[in-house]
Structures are given as structure tokens and as C-alpha cells.
Amino acid sequence: MIRAGAYVVHLYRLDDGPWRLLRVIDRPDLPDKLQAGINVLTGFGGSKPDLNAEVDYVHFSAVTVSQGLATALANGTETEAQLVAELGQ
């Protein structure tokens, strides 16, 4: 996940494959600083968990976007290729 201004961009990749766009969420209500962490969902379709997970390290990096991508996000005209090229490196 990448936060670019008011937008939260979800990207994913399988193994060492290319980054792919999952969704872009517009959240202008978020403050400048957020508390972030890991969230794991489990046990779909049953009453017992089907996954045990432990996380001992998370790394966050600052992200900057070009004015062109910022405008495309604001206008809703960004493409998957444009997002991946700038954000998924």
C-alpha cells in the first residue's frame, strides 16, 4: 500500500512478477500523519482460524510522486501502467 496525498494505492505482485494495481482509494479525510500496522484476516467460512502469523519487522519508506501522477490520481485517469511505473519500483 502506498499513500500519495489523499489517495491510498493498493498494489500486489506474485513472487518476483510485475507489480499490479488492485485499487485506488480516495481518502481526503485522513490526517497528515497516520499510525500504521499489520492486519491479517483469517477463518473465512469457518469458526477456527486457518492461519497463524507473526510479524517482527515492518519497513516504511517515503514516497514522492510526479505532478503528472498526482493530477491523474486527482482526476481518476491514472492507468495501472502509470501507477506501477512510478510507485511500484
PDB file of N, CA and C in Angstrom:
ATOM      1  N   MET A   1       0.846  -1.170   0.000  1.00  0.00           N
ATOM      2  CA  MET A   1       0.000   0.000   0.000  1.00  0.00           C
ATOM      3  C   MET A   1       0.888   1.229   0.000  1.00  0.00           C
ATOM      4  N   ILE A   2       0.462   2.211  -0.755  1.00  0.00           N
ATOM      5  CA  ILE A   2       1.195   3.459  -0.869  1.00  0.00           C
ATOM      6  C   ILE A   2       0.209   4.592  -0.648  1.00  0.00           C
ATOM      7  N   ARG A   3       0.604   5.540   0.173  1.00  0.00           N
ATOM      8  CA  ARG A   3      -0.215   6.731   0.330  1.00  0.00           C
ATOM      9  C   ARG A   3       0.406   7.840  -0.488  1.00  0.00           C
ATOM     10  N   ALA A   4      -0.383   8.413  -1.372  1.00  0.00           N
ATOM     11  CA  ALA A   4       0.047   9.535  -2.204  1.00  0.00           C
ATOM     12  C   ALA A   4      -0.961  10.651  -2.008  1.00  0.00           C
ATOM     13  N   GLY A   5      -0.668  11.565  -1.096  1.00  0.00           N
ATOM     14  CA  GLY A   5      -1.609  12.638  -0.784  1.00  0.00           C
ATOM     15  C   GLY A   5      -2.867  12.076  -0.155  1.00  0.00           C
ATOM     16  N   ALA A   6      -4.013  12.321  -0.778  1.00  0.00           N
ATOM     17  CA  ALA A   6      -5.294  11.838  -0.259  1.00  0.00           C
ATOM     18  C   ALA A   6      -5.624  10.427  -0.741  1.00  0.00           C
ATOM     19  N   TYR A   7      -4.733   9.809  -1.512  1.00  0.00           N
ATOM     20  CA  TYR A   7      -5.025   8.518  -2.122  1.00  0.00           C
ATOM     21  C   TYR A   7      -4.222   7.398  -1.475  1.00  0.00           C
ATOM     22  N   VAL A   8      -4.868   6.265  -1.285  1.00  0.00           N
ATOM     23  CA  VAL A   8      -4.200   5.054  -0.835  1.00  0.00           C
ATOM     24  C   VAL A   8      -4.241   4.093  -2.014  1.00  0.00           C
ATOM     25  N   VAL A   9      -3.062   3.717  -2.503  1.00  0.00           N
ATOM     26  CA  VAL A   9      -2.932   2.877  -3.689  1.00  0.00           C
ATOM     27  C   VAL A   9      -2.544   1.471  -3.248  1.00  0.00           C
ATOM     28  N   HIS A  10      -3.320   0.474  -3.664  1.00  0.00           N
ATOM     29  CA  HIS A  10      -3.027  -0.917  -3.337  1.00  0.00           C
ATOM     30  C   HIS A  10      -2.413  -1.590  -4.561  1.00  0.00           C
ATOM     31  N   LEU A  11      -1.203  -2.107  -4.399  1.00  0.00           N
ATOM     32  CA  LEU A  11      -0.500  -2.850  -5.439  1.00  0.00           C
ATOM     33  C   LEU A  11      -0.190  -4.240  -4.901  1.00  0.00           C
ATOM     34  N   TYR A  12      -0.021  -5.202  -5.780  1.00  0.00           N
ATOM     35  CA  TYR A  12       0.383  -6.537  -5.365  1.00  0.00           C
ATOM     36  C   TYR A  12       1.249  -7.160  -6.451  1.00  0.00           C
ATOM     37  N   ARG A  13       1.978  -8.195  -6.057  1.00  0.00           N
ATOM     38  CA  ARG A  13       2.718  -8.969  -7.053  1.00  0.00           C
ATOM     39  C   ARG A  13       2.863 -10.393  -6.538  1.00  0.00           C
ATOM     40  N   LEU A  14       2.964 -11.315  -7.456  1.00  0.00           N
ATOM     41  CA  LEU A  14       3.154 -12.719  -7.136  1.00  0.00           C
ATOM     42  C   LEU A  14       4.613 -13.061  -7.341  1.00  0.00           C
ATOM     43  N   ASP A  15       5.245 -13.607  -6.309  1.00  0.00           N
ATOM     44  CA  ASP A  15       6.665 -13.954  -6.350  1.00  0.00           C
ATOM     45  C   ASP A  15       7.476 -12.762  -6.856  1.00  0.00           C
ATOM     46  N   ASP A  16       8.230 -12.931  -7.914  1.00  0.00           N
ATOM     47  CA  ASP A  16       9.033 -11.826  -8.450  1.00  0.00           C
ATOM     48  C   ASP A  16       8.413 -11.223  -9.697  1.00  0.00           C
ATOM     49  N   GLY A  17       7.102 -11.402  -9.875  1.00  0.00           N
ATOM     50  CA  GLY A  17       6.419 -10.879 -11.048  1.00  0.00           C
ATOM     51  C   GLY A  17       6.256  -9.369 -10.982  1.00  0.00           C
ATOM     52  N   PRO A  18       5.583  -8.804 -11.960  1.00  0.00           N
ATOM     53  CA  PRO A  18       5.405  -7.347 -12.003  1.00  0.00           C
ATOM     54  C   PRO A  18       4.389  -6.884 -10.970  1.00  0.00           C
ATOM     55  N   TRP A  19       4.542  -5.653 -10.498  1.00  0.00           N
ATOM     56  CA  TRP A  19       3.545  -5.050  -9.628  1.00  0.00           C
ATOM     57  C   TRP A  19       2.277  -4.807 -10.428  1.00  0.00           C
ATOM     58  N   ARG A  20       1.128  -5.083  -9.814  1.00  0.00           N
ATOM     59  CA  ARG A  20      -0.175  -4.888 -10.455  1.00  0.00           C
ATOM     60  C   ARG A  20      -1.041  -4.017  -9.551  1.00  0.00           C
ATOM     61  N   LEU A  21      -1.861  -3.185 -10.159  1.00  0.00           N
ATOM     62  CA  LEU A  21      -2.772  -2.312  -9.422  1.00  0.00           C
ATOM     63  C   LEU A  21      -3.988  -3.104  -8.968  1.00  0.00           C
ATOM     64  N   LEU A  22      -4.303  -3.014  -7.698  1.00  0.00           N
ATOM     65  CA  LEU A  22      -5.524  -3.626  -7.180  1.00  0.00           C
ATOM     66  C   LEU A  22      -6.638  -2.591  -7.075  1.00  0.00           C
ATOM     67  N   ARG A  23      -6.338  -1.454  -6.433  1.00  0.00           N
ATOM     68  CA  ARG A  23      -7.346  -0.391  -6.303  1.00  0.00           C
ATOM     69  C   ARG A  23      -6.691   0.906  -5.858  1.00  0.00           C
ATOM     70  N   VAL A  24      -7.412   2.005  -6.080  1.00  0.00           N
ATOM     71  CA  VAL A  24      -7.021   3.321  -5.576  1.00  0.00           C
ATOM     72  C   VAL A  24      -8.202   3.839  -4.770  1.00  0.00           C
ATOM     73  N   ILE A  25      -7.935   4.227  -3.532  1.00  0.00           N
ATOM     74  CA  ILE A  25      -8.990   4.710  -2.640  1.00  0.00           C
ATOM     75  C   ILE A  25      -8.729   6.180  -2.331  1.00  0.00           C
ATOM     76  N   ASP A  26      -9.731   7.013  -2.521  1.00  0.00           N
ATOM     77  CA  ASP A  26      -9.648   8.445  -2.232  1.00  0.00           C
ATOM     78  C   ASP A  26     -10.065   8.668  -0.783  1.00  0.00           C
ATOM     79  N   ARG A  27      -9.141   9.160   0.061  1.00  0.00           N
ATOM     80  CA  ARG A  27      -9.415   9.396   1.475  1.00  0.00           C
ATOM     81  C   ARG A  27      -8.967  10.792   1.895  1.00  0.00           C
ATOM     82  N   PRO A  28      -9.670  11.835   1.435  1.00  0.00           N
ATOM     83  CA  PRO A  28      -9.269  13.194   1.790  1.00  0.00           C
ATOM     84  C   PRO A  28      -9.467  13.500   3.271  1.00  0.00           C
ATOM     85  N   ASP A  29     -10.168  12.634   3.991  1.00  0.00           N
ATOM     86  CA  ASP A  29     -10.427  12.853   5.408  1.00  0.00           C
ATOM     87  C   ASP A  29      -9.262  12.441   6.310  1.00  0.00           C
ATOM     88  N   LEU A  30      -8.251  11.774   5.779  1.00  0.00           N
ATOM     89  CA  LEU A  30      -7.144  11.304   6.605  1.00  0.00           C
ATOM     90  C   LEU A  30      -6.228  12.460   7.009  1.00  0.00           C
ATOM     91  N   PRO A  31      -5.710  12.402   8.247  1.00  0.00           N
ATOM     92  CA  PRO A  31      -4.768  13.440   8.673  1.00  0.00           C
ATOM     93  C   PRO A  31      -3.418  13.254   7.982  1.00  0.00           C
ATOM     94  N   ASP A  32      -2.531  14.250   8.133  1.00  0.00           N
ATOM     95  CA  ASP A  32      -1.210  14.174   7.504  1.00  0.00           C
ATOM     96  C   ASP A  32      -0.391  13.002   8.022  1.00  0.00           C
ATOM     97  N   LYS A  33      -0.512  12.690   9.312  1.00  0.00           N
ATOM     98  CA  LYS A  33       0.226  11.577   9.897  1.00  0.00           C
ATOM     99  C   LYS A  33      -0.752  10.500  10.343  1.00  0.00           C
ATOM    100  N   LEU A  34      -0.373   9.244  10.082  1.00  0.00           N
ATOM    101  CA  LEU A  34      -1.212   8.101  10.445  1.00  0.00           C
ATOM    102  C   LEU A  34      -0.405   7.100  11.251  1.00  0.00           C
ATOM    103  N   GLN A  35      -1.099   6.345  12.083  1.00  0.00           N
ATOM    104  CA  GLN A  35      -0.484   5.199  12.720  1.00  0.00           C
ATOM    105  C   GLN A  35      -0.750   4.012  11.812  1.00  0.00           C
ATOM    106  N   ALA A  36       0.274   3.236  11.493  1.00  0.00           N
ATOM    107  CA  ALA A  36       0.124   2.119  10.566  1.00  0.00           C
ATOM    108  C   ALA A  36       0.561   0.825  11.231  1.00  0.00           C
ATOM    109  N   GLY A  37       0.000  -0.273  10.758  1.00  0.00           N
ATOM    110  CA  GLY A  37       0.372  -1.575  11.288  1.00  0.00           C
ATOM    111  C   GLY A  37      -0.047  -2.672  10.335  1.00  0.00           C
ATOM    112  N   ILE A  38       0.062  -3.892  10.787  1.00  0.00           N
ATOM    113  CA  ILE A  38      -0.275  -5.070  10.000  1.00  0.00           C
ATOM    114  C   ILE A  38      -1.652  -5.579  10.421  1.00  0.00           C
ATOM    115  N   ASN A  39      -2.453  -5.960   9.439  1.00  0.00           N
ATOM    116  CA  ASN A  39      -3.775  -6.526   9.692  1.00  0.00           C
ATOM    117  C   ASN A  39      -3.878  -7.840   8.934  1.00  0.00           C
ATOM    118  N   VAL A  40      -4.233  -8.908   9.624  1.00  0.00           N
ATOM    119  CA  VAL A  40      -4.376 -10.215   8.999  1.00  0.00           C
ATOM    120  C   VAL A  40      -5.796 -10.706   9.242  1.00  0.00           C
ATOM    121  N   LEU A  41      -6.470 -11.114   8.173  1.00  0.00           N
ATOM    122  CA  LEU A  41      -7.806 -11.682   8.278  1.00  0.00           C
ATOM    123  C   LEU A  41      -7.714 -13.181   8.054  1.00  0.00           C
ATOM    124  N   THR A  42      -8.447 -13.943   8.836  1.00  0.00           N
ATOM    125  CA  THR A  42      -8.361 -15.391   8.745  1.00  0.00           C
ATOM    126  C   THR A  42      -9.680 -16.018   9.158  1.00  0.00           C
ATOM    127  N   GLY A  43      -9.838 -17.302   8.870  1.00  0.00           N
ATOM    128  CA  GLY A  43     -11.001 -18.046   9.330  1.00  0.00           C
ATOM    129  C   GLY A  43     -12.248 -17.859   8.494  1.00  0.00           C
ATOM    130  N   PHE A  44     -12.095 -17.402   7.253  1.00  0.00           N
ATOM    131  CA  PHE A  44     -13.269 -17.247   6.407  1.00  0.00           C
ATOM    132  C   PHE A  44     -13.951 -18.594   6.203  1.00  0.00           C
ATOM    133  N   GLY A  45     -15.246 -18.628   6.342  1.00  0.00           N
ATOM    134  CA  GLY A  45     -16.002 -19.849   6.094  1.00  0.00           C
ATOM    135  C   GLY A  45     -15.946 -20.861   7.223  1.00  0.00           C
ATOM    136  N   GLY A  46     -15.422 -20.495   8.355  1.00  0.00           N
ATOM    137  CA  GLY A  46     -15.357 -21.433   9.469  1.00  0.00           C
ATOM    138  C   GLY A  46     -15.169 -20.688  10.770  1.00  0.00           C
ATOM    139  N   SER A  47     -15.265 -21.419  11.857  1.00  0.00           N
ATOM    140  CA  SER A  47     -15.152 -20.796  13.167  1.00  0.00           C
ATOM    141  C   SER A  47     -13.738 -20.878  13.728  1.00  0.00           C
ATOM    142  N   LYS A  48     -12.850 -21.670  13.100  1.00  0.00           N
ATOM    143  CA  LYS A  48     -11.482 -21.807  13.592  1.00  0.00           C
ATOM    144  C   LYS A  48     -10.518 -21.089  12.645  1.00  0.00           C
ATOM    145  N   PRO A  49      -9.515 -20.410  13.219  1.00  0.00           N
ATOM    146  CA  PRO A  49      -8.519 -19.754  12.361  1.00  0.00           C
ATOM    147  C   PRO A  49      -7.798 -20.769  11.482  1.00  0.00           C
ATOM    148  N   ASP A  50      -7.512 -20.371  10.263  1.00  0.00           N
ATOM    149  CA  ASP A  50      -6.767 -21.244   9.353  1.00  0.00           C
ATOM    150  C   ASP A  50      -5.376 -20.681   9.059  1.00  0.00           C
ATOM    151  N   LEU A  51      -4.964 -19.663   9.821  1.00  0.00           N
ATOM    152  CA  LEU A  51      -3.659 -19.056   9.625  1.00  0.00           C
ATOM    153  C   LEU A  51      -3.152 -18.518  10.951  1.00  0.00           C
ATOM    154  N   ASN A  52      -1.912 -18.813  11.263  1.00  0.00           N
ATOM    155  CA  ASN A  52      -1.215 -18.189  12.387  1.00  0.00           C
ATOM    156  C   ASN A  52      -0.076 -17.384  11.803  1.00  0.00           C
ATOM    157  N   ALA A  53       0.002 -16.105  12.150  1.00  0.00           N
ATOM    158  CA  ALA A  53       1.027 -15.235  11.573  1.00  0.00           C
ATOM    159  C   ALA A  53       1.728 -14.453  12.666  1.00  0.00           C
ATOM    160  N   GLU A  54       3.026 -14.244  12.467  1.00  0.00           N
ATOM    161  CA  GLU A  54       3.816 -13.393  13.342  1.00  0.00           C
ATOM    162  C   GLU A  54       4.588 -12.409  12.482  1.00  0.00           C
ATOM    163  N   VAL A  55       4.664 -11.173  12.932  1.00  0.00           N
ATOM    164  CA  VAL A  55       5.414 -10.146  12.217  1.00  0.00           C
ATOM    165  C   VAL A  55       6.387  -9.533  13.205  1.00  0.00           C
ATOM    166  N   ASP A  56       7.659  -9.536  12.843  1.00  0.00           N
ATOM    167  CA  ASP A  56       8.641  -8.951  13.749  1.00  0.00           C
ATOM    168  C   ASP A  56       9.320  -7.714  13.173  1.00  0.00           C
ATOM    169  N   TYR A  57       8.974  -7.348  11.932  1.00  0.00           N
ATOM    170  CA  TYR A  57       9.609  -6.182  11.334  1.00  0.00           C
ATOM    171  C   TYR A  57       8.747  -5.653  10.198  1.00  0.00           C
ATOM    172  N   VAL A  58       8.545  -4.355  10.174  1.00  0.00           N
ATOM    173  CA  VAL A  58       7.841  -3.692   9.077  1.00  0.00           C
ATOM    174  C   VAL A  58       8.671  -2.469   8.701  1.00  0.00           C
ATOM    175  N   HIS A  59       8.858  -2.248   7.396  1.00  0.00           N
ATOM    176  CA  HIS A  59       9.640  -1.118   6.918  1.00  0.00           C
ATOM    177  C   HIS A  59       8.751  -0.207   6.083  1.00  0.00           C
ATOM    178  N   PHE A  60       8.764   1.067   6.391  1.00  0.00           N
ATOM    179  CA  PHE A  60       8.019   2.054   5.631  1.00  0.00           C
ATOM    180  C   PHE A  60       9.010   3.015   4.986  1.00  0.00           C
ATOM    181  N   SER A  61       8.729   3.422   3.758  1.00  0.00           N
ATOM    182  CA  SER A  61       9.587   4.362   3.045  1.00  0.00           C
ATOM    183  C   SER A  61       8.760   5.552   2.579  1.00  0.00           C
ATOM    184  N   ALA A  62       9.410   6.700   2.498  1.00  0.00           N
ATOM    185  CA  ALA A  62       8.742   7.880   1.958  1.00  0.00           C
ATOM    186  C   ALA A  62       8.550   7.688   0.454  1.00  0.00           C
ATOM    187  N   VAL A  63       7.425   8.164  -0.050  1.00  0.00           N
ATOM    188  CA  VAL A  63       7.115   8.049  -1.474  1.00  0.00           C
ATOM    189  C   VAL A  63       6.803   9.437  -2.012  1.00  0.00           C
ATOM    190  N   THR A  64       7.406   9.766  -3.144  1.00  0.00           N
ATOM    191  CA  THR A  64       7.051  11.008  -3.829  1.00  0.00           C
ATOM    192  C   THR A  64       6.514  10.644  -5.204  1.00  0.00           C
ATOM    193  N   VAL A  65       5.581  11.420  -5.670  1.00  0.00           N
ATOM    194  CA  VAL A  65       5.001  11.164  -6.994  1.00  0.00           C
ATOM    195  C   VAL A  65       5.172  12.409  -7.848  1.00  0.00           C
ATOM    196  N   SER A  66       5.209  12.183  -9.150  1.00  0.00           N
ATOM    197  CA  SER A  66       5.329  13.305 -10.074  1.00  0.00           C
ATOM    198  C   SER A  66       4.029  14.111 -10.083  1.00  0.00           C
ATOM    199  N   GLN A  67       4.126  15.330 -10.566  1.00  0.00           N
ATOM    200  CA  GLN A  67       2.921  16.151 -10.677  1.00  0.00           C
ATOM    201  C   GLN A  67       1.925  15.507 -11.634  1.00  0.00           C
ATOM    202  N   GLY A  68       2.430  14.846 -12.678  1.00  0.00           N
ATOM    203  CA  GLY A  68       1.545  14.184 -13.633  1.00  0.00           C
ATOM    204  C   GLY A  68       0.735  13.076 -12.990  1.00  0.00           C
ATOM    205  N   LEU A  69       1.380  12.258 -12.150  1.00  0.00           N
ATOM    206  CA  LEU A  69       0.640  11.189 -11.475  1.00  0.00           C
ATOM    207  C   LEU A  69      -0.305  11.762 -10.428  1.00  0.00           C
ATOM    208  N   ALA A  70       0.123  12.786  -9.703  1.00  0.00           N
ATOM    209  CA  ALA A  70      -0.766  13.412  -8.722  1.00  0.00           C
ATOM    210  C   ALA A  70      -2.027  13.939  -9.393  1.00  0.00           C
ATOM    211  N   THR A  71      -1.871  14.558 -10.556  1.00  0.00           N
ATOM    212  CA  THR A  71      -3.024  15.063 -11.307  1.00  0.00           C
ATOM    213  C   THR A  71      -3.905  13.917 -11.789  1.00  0.00           C
ATOM    214  N   ALA A  72      -3.288  12.847 -12.294  1.00  0.00           N
ATOM    215  CA  ALA A  72      -4.051  11.690 -12.766  1.00  0.00           C
ATOM    216  C   ALA A  72      -4.824  11.043 -11.623  1.00  0.00           C
ATOM    217  N   LEU A  73      -4.222  10.941 -10.433  1.00  0.00           N
ATOM    218  CA  LEU A  73      -4.934  10.410  -9.265  1.00  0.00           C
ATOM    219  C   LEU A  73      -6.125  11.302  -8.922  1.00  0.00           C
ATOM    220  N   ALA A  74      -5.887  12.601  -8.904  1.00  0.00           N
ATOM    221  CA  ALA A  74      -6.964  13.540  -8.568  1.00  0.00           C
ATOM    222  C   ALA A  74      -8.099  13.487  -9.576  1.00  0.00           C
ATOM    223  N   ASN A  75      -7.781  13.252 -10.846  1.00  0.00           N
ATOM    224  CA  ASN A  75      -8.796  13.207 -11.894  1.00  0.00           C
ATOM    225  C   ASN A  75      -9.387  11.823 -12.109  1.00  0.00           C
ATOM    226  N   GLY A  76      -8.788  10.799 -11.471  1.00  0.00           N
ATOM    227  CA  GLY A  76      -9.261   9.432 -11.674  1.00  0.00           C
ATOM    228  C   GLY A  76      -8.895   8.882 -13.041  1.00  0.00           C
ATOM    229  N   THR A  77      -7.845   9.422 -13.667  1.00  0.00           N
ATOM    230  CA  THR A  77      -7.471   8.996 -15.013  1.00  0.00           C
ATOM    231  C   THR A  77      -6.165   8.209 -15.046  1.00  0.00           C
ATOM    232  N   GLU A  78      -5.643   7.859 -13.849  1.00  0.00           N
ATOM    233  CA  GLU A  78      -4.390   7.110 -13.819  1.00  0.00           C
ATOM    234  C   GLU A  78      -4.603   5.717 -14.411  1.00  0.00           C
ATOM    235  N   THR A  79      -3.557   5.186 -14.996  1.00  0.00           N
ATOM    236  CA  THR A  79      -3.606   3.830 -15.531  1.00  0.00           C
ATOM    237  C   THR A  79      -2.760   2.925 -14.647  1.00  0.00           C
ATOM    238  N   GLU A  80      -2.998   1.637 -14.745  1.00  0.00           N
ATOM    239  CA  GLU A  80      -2.194   0.690 -13.976  1.00  0.00           C
ATOM    240  C   GLU A  80      -0.720   0.842 -14.330  1.00  0.00           C
ATOM    241  N   ALA A  81      -0.423   0.982 -15.608  1.00  0.00           N
ATOM    242  CA  ALA A  81       0.977   1.121 -16.033  1.00  0.00           C
ATOM    243  C   ALA A  81       1.606   2.373 -15.445  1.00  0.00           C
ATOM    244  N   GLN A  82       0.860   3.473 -15.409  1.00  0.00           N
ATOM    245  CA  GLN A  82       1.373   4.725 -14.876  1.00  0.00           C
ATOM    246  C   GLN A  82       1.669   4.589 -13.383  1.00  0.00           C
ATOM    247  N   LEU A  83       0.746   3.985 -12.636  1.00  0.00           N
ATOM    248  CA  LEU A  83       0.958   3.799 -11.201  1.00  0.00           C
ATOM    249  C   LEU A  83       2.132   2.876 -10.931  1.00  0.00           C
ATOM    250  N   VAL A  84       2.167   1.754 -11.598  1.00  0.00           N
ATOM    251  CA  VAL A  84       3.232   0.774 -11.366  1.00  0.00           C
ATOM    252  C   VAL A  84       4.587   1.357 -11.724  1.00  0.00           C
ATOM    253  N   ALA A  85       4.655   2.106 -12.815  1.00  0.00           N
ATOM    254  CA  ALA A  85       5.925   2.696 -13.237  1.00  0.00           C
ATOM    255  C   ALA A  85       6.470   3.641 -12.190  1.00  0.00           C
ATOM    256  N   GLU A  86       5.609   4.444 -11.560  1.00  0.00           N
ATOM    257  CA  GLU A  86       6.076   5.434 -10.601  1.00  0.00           C
ATOM    258  C   GLU A  86       6.127   4.904  -9.174  1.00  0.00           C
ATOM    259  N   LEU A  87       5.161   4.096  -8.780  1.00  0.00           N
ATOM    260  CA  LEU A  87       5.040   3.710  -7.373  1.00  0.00           C
ATOM    261  C   LEU A  87       5.550   2.310  -7.083  1.00  0.00           C
ATOM    262  N   GLY A  88       5.536   1.446  -8.051  1.00  0.00           N
ATOM    263  CA  GLY A  88       5.855   0.057  -7.791  1.00  0.00           C
ATOM    264  C   GLY A  88       7.287  -0.332  -8.019  1.00  0.00           C
ATOM    265  N   GLN A  89       8.161   0.623  -8.171  1.00  0.00           N
ATOM    266  CA  GLN A  89       9.574   0.316  -8.426  1.00  0.00           C
ATOM    267  C   GLN A  89      10.196  -0.370  -7.232  1.00  0.00           C
TER     268      GLN A  89
END
